[in-house]
C-alpha atoms as a PDB file:
ATOM      1  CA  MET A   1     131.854  67.586  94.661  1.00  0.00           C
ATOM      2  CA  PRO A   2     128.396  69.245  94.636  1.00  0.00           C
ATOM      3  CA  ARG A   3     127.716  71.901  92.021  1.00  0.00           C
ATOM      4  CA  LYS A   4     127.871  75.420  93.436  1.00  0.00           C
ATOM      5  CA  LYS A   5     124.590  77.354  93.167  1.00  0.00           C
ATOM      6  CA  PRO A   6     124.845  80.578  91.146  1.00  0.00           C
ATOM      7  CA  ASP A   7     125.123  83.740  93.180  1.00  0.00           C
ATOM      8  CA  ALA A   8     121.933  85.748  92.526  1.00  0.00           C
ATOM      9  CA  ASP A   9     123.753  89.030  93.187  1.00  0.00           C
ATOM     10  CA  SER A  10     126.456  88.403  90.593  1.00  0.00           C
ATOM     11  CA  CYS A  11     124.272  88.444  87.433  1.00  0.00           C
ATOM     12  CA  THR A  12     125.930  85.328  86.109  1.00  0.00           C
ATOM     13  CA  PRO A  13     125.984  85.458  82.298  1.00  0.00           C
ATOM     14  CA  PRO A  14     123.512  83.253  80.425  1.00  0.00           C
ATOM     15  CA  GLY A  15     124.760  79.734  79.871  1.00  0.00           C
ATOM     16  CA  SER A  16     127.076  79.726  82.871  1.00  0.00           C
ATOM     17  CA  ALA A  17     124.612  78.199  85.337  1.00  0.00           C
ATOM     18  CA  GLY A  18     125.155  74.727  83.917  1.00  0.00           C
ATOM     19  CA  ALA A  19     122.784  71.897  83.155  1.00  0.00           C
ATOM     20  CA  ALA A  20     121.410  71.813  86.715  1.00  0.00           C
ATOM     21  CA  ALA A  21     119.562  75.098  86.162  1.00  0.00           C
ATOM     22  CA  LYS A  22     115.837  74.597  85.623  1.00  0.00           C
ATOM     23  CA  GLU A  23     114.730  75.719  82.174  1.00  0.00           C
ATOM     24  CA  ASP A  24     112.557  78.849  82.215  1.00  0.00           C
ATOM     25  CA  ARG A  25     109.866  78.516  79.552  1.00  0.00           C
ATOM     26  CA  GLU A  26     107.098  80.534  81.177  1.00  0.00           C
ATOM     27  CA  ALA A  27     105.787  83.451  79.156  1.00  0.00           C
ATOM     28  CA  ARG A  28     107.200  86.808  80.167  1.00  0.00           C
ATOM     29  CA  LEU A  29     106.035  90.260  79.163  1.00  0.00           C
ATOM     30  CA  CYS A  30     108.507  93.049  78.505  1.00  0.00           C
ATOM     31  CA  ILE A  31     108.642  95.506  81.420  1.00  0.00           C
ATOM     32  CA  LEU A  32     109.054  98.390  78.958  1.00  0.00           C
ATOM     33  CA  CYS A  33     106.422  97.755  76.270  1.00  0.00           C
ATOM     34  CA  SER A  34     104.310  94.902  77.736  1.00  0.00           C
ATOM     35  CA  LYS A  35     104.729  92.752  74.601  1.00  0.00           C
ATOM     36  CA  LYS A  36     105.496  89.029  74.924  1.00  0.00           C
ATOM     37  CA  MET A  37     109.241  88.382  75.057  1.00  0.00           C
ATOM     38  CA  PHE A  38     110.852  85.729  72.824  1.00  0.00           C
ATOM     39  CA  PHE A  39     112.462  82.856  74.762  1.00  0.00           C
ATOM     40  CA  THR A  40     115.822  81.590  73.518  1.00  0.00           C
ATOM     41  CA  LYS A  41     116.222  77.993  74.643  1.00  0.00           C
ATOM     42  CA  GLU A  42     119.963  77.885  73.892  1.00  0.00           C
ATOM     43  CA  MET A  43     120.754  80.855  76.139  1.00  0.00           C
ATOM     44  CA  GLN A  44     117.839  80.505  78.584  1.00  0.00           C
ATOM     45  CA  VAL A  45     117.079  84.202  78.047  1.00  0.00           C
ATOM     46  CA  HIS A  46     113.883  86.136  77.335  1.00  0.00           C
ATOM     47  CA  VAL A  47     114.378  88.841  74.675  1.00  0.00           C
ATOM     48  CA  CYS A  48     112.326  91.789  73.431  1.00  0.00           C
ATOM     49  CA  LEU A  49     113.421  93.377  70.148  1.00  0.00           C
ATOM     50  CA  ASN A  50     111.060  96.372  70.174  1.00  0.00           C
ATOM     51  CA  LYS A  51     112.834  99.162  68.239  1.00  0.00           C
ATOM     52  CA  GLU A  52     111.218 101.847  70.434  1.00  0.00           C
ATOM     53  CA  HIS A  53     113.277 100.792  73.466  1.00  0.00           C
ATOM     54  CA  GLY A  54     115.956  98.688  71.801  1.00  0.00           C
ATOM     55  CA  VAL A  55     116.972  95.169  72.747  1.00  0.00           C
ATOM     56  CA  LEU A  56     116.072  94.112  76.273  1.00  0.00           C
ATOM     57  CA  ALA A  57     117.063  90.673  77.528  1.00  0.00           C
ATOM     58  CA  TYR A  58     116.102  89.068  80.837  1.00  0.00           C
ATOM     59  CA  TYR A  59     117.848  86.157  82.541  1.00  0.00           C
ATOM     60  CA  LYS A  60     115.504  84.756  85.199  1.00  0.00           C
ATOM     61  CA  LEU A  61     118.066  82.646  87.042  1.00  0.00           C
ATOM     62  CA  ASP A  62     119.763  85.828  88.234  1.00  0.00           C
ATOM     63  CA  ASP A  63     116.776  88.188  87.854  1.00  0.00           C
ATOM     64  CA  CYS A  64     118.999  90.370  85.677  1.00  0.00           C
ATOM     65  CA  TYR A  65     118.403  92.498  82.560  1.00  0.00           C
ATOM     66  CA  PHE A  66     120.705  93.334  79.632  1.00  0.00           C
ATOM     67  CA  THR A  67     120.406  96.451  77.458  1.00  0.00           C
ATOM     68  CA  SER A  68     122.581  98.518  75.132  1.00  0.00           C
ATOM     69  CA  ARG A  69     120.704 101.796  75.578  1.00  0.00           C
ATOM     70  CA  GLU A  70     121.665 104.238  78.314  1.00  0.00           C
ATOM     71  CA  ASP A  71     118.117 105.593  78.692  1.00  0.00           C
ATOM     72  CA  VAL A  72     116.842 102.067  79.359  1.00  0.00           C
ATOM     73  CA  GLY A  73     119.702 101.456  81.807  1.00  0.00           C
ATOM     74  CA  LEU A  74     118.781 104.635  83.699  1.00  0.00           C
ATOM     75  CA  LYS A  75     115.142 103.520  83.873  1.00  0.00           C
ATOM     76  CA  LEU A  76     116.147 100.091  85.192  1.00  0.00           C
ATOM     77  CA  ALA A  77     118.470 101.707  87.759  1.00  0.00           C
ATOM     78  CA  LYS A  78     115.718 104.063  88.961  1.00  0.00           C
ATOM     79  CA  GLU A  79     113.426 101.048  89.410  1.00  0.00           C
ATOM     80  CA  GLY A  80     116.128  99.246  91.411  1.00  0.00           C
ATOM     81  CA  ARG A  81     116.500  96.401  88.900  1.00  0.00           C
ATOM     82  CA  LYS A  82     119.784  94.583  88.303  1.00  0.00           C
ATOM     83  CA  PHE A  83     121.125  95.054  84.776  1.00  0.00           C
ATOM     84  CA  HIS A  84     124.208  95.037  82.560  1.00  0.00           C
ATOM     85  CA  MET A  85     125.013  97.349  79.688  1.00  0.00           C
ATOM     86  CA  ILE A  86     125.943  95.656  76.392  1.00  0.00           C
ATOM     87  CA  GLU A  87     127.940  97.520  73.764  1.00  0.00           C
ATOM     88  CA  PRO A  88     125.745  98.197  70.690  1.00  0.00           C
ATOM     89  CA  ASP A  89     128.567  96.856  68.474  1.00  0.00           C
ATOM     90  CA  VAL A  90     128.191  93.439  70.123  1.00  0.00           C
ATOM     91  CA  LEU A  91     124.547  93.337  69.086  1.00  0.00           C
ATOM     92  CA  LYS A  92     125.375  94.456  65.562  1.00  0.00           C
ATOM     93  CA  MET A  93     127.844  91.546  65.249  1.00  0.00           C
ATOM     94  CA  ILE A  94     124.968  89.119  65.793  1.00  0.00           C
ATOM     95  CA  GLY A  95     122.683  91.034  63.430  1.00  0.00           C
ATOM     96  CA  VAL A  96     120.512  92.858  65.972  1.00  0.00           C
ATOM     97  CA  GLU A  97     119.911  96.604  65.890  1.00  0.00           C
ATOM     98  CA  SER A  98     119.787  98.265  69.292  1.00  0.00           C
END
């Protein structure tokens, strides 16, 4: 049975695309502060930890952002970008301040 391609409109969570997904190692600049984003190979996610705007993650396979700050979510919504809100407590559990 062929592997089903991820639905780009669903914002599939990182890691769920399976091994067939092409690894995204190209450099990416943060859309909020223009600094280079850190690439996490394990999750296939680009991350910016700038304290001015809080954690911003980007998953290229679905062209989707993740943030825990409402002001950032509103900005992404106004720009028409797909995004998910993450509870700040989830980030604190992994040792990241939002």
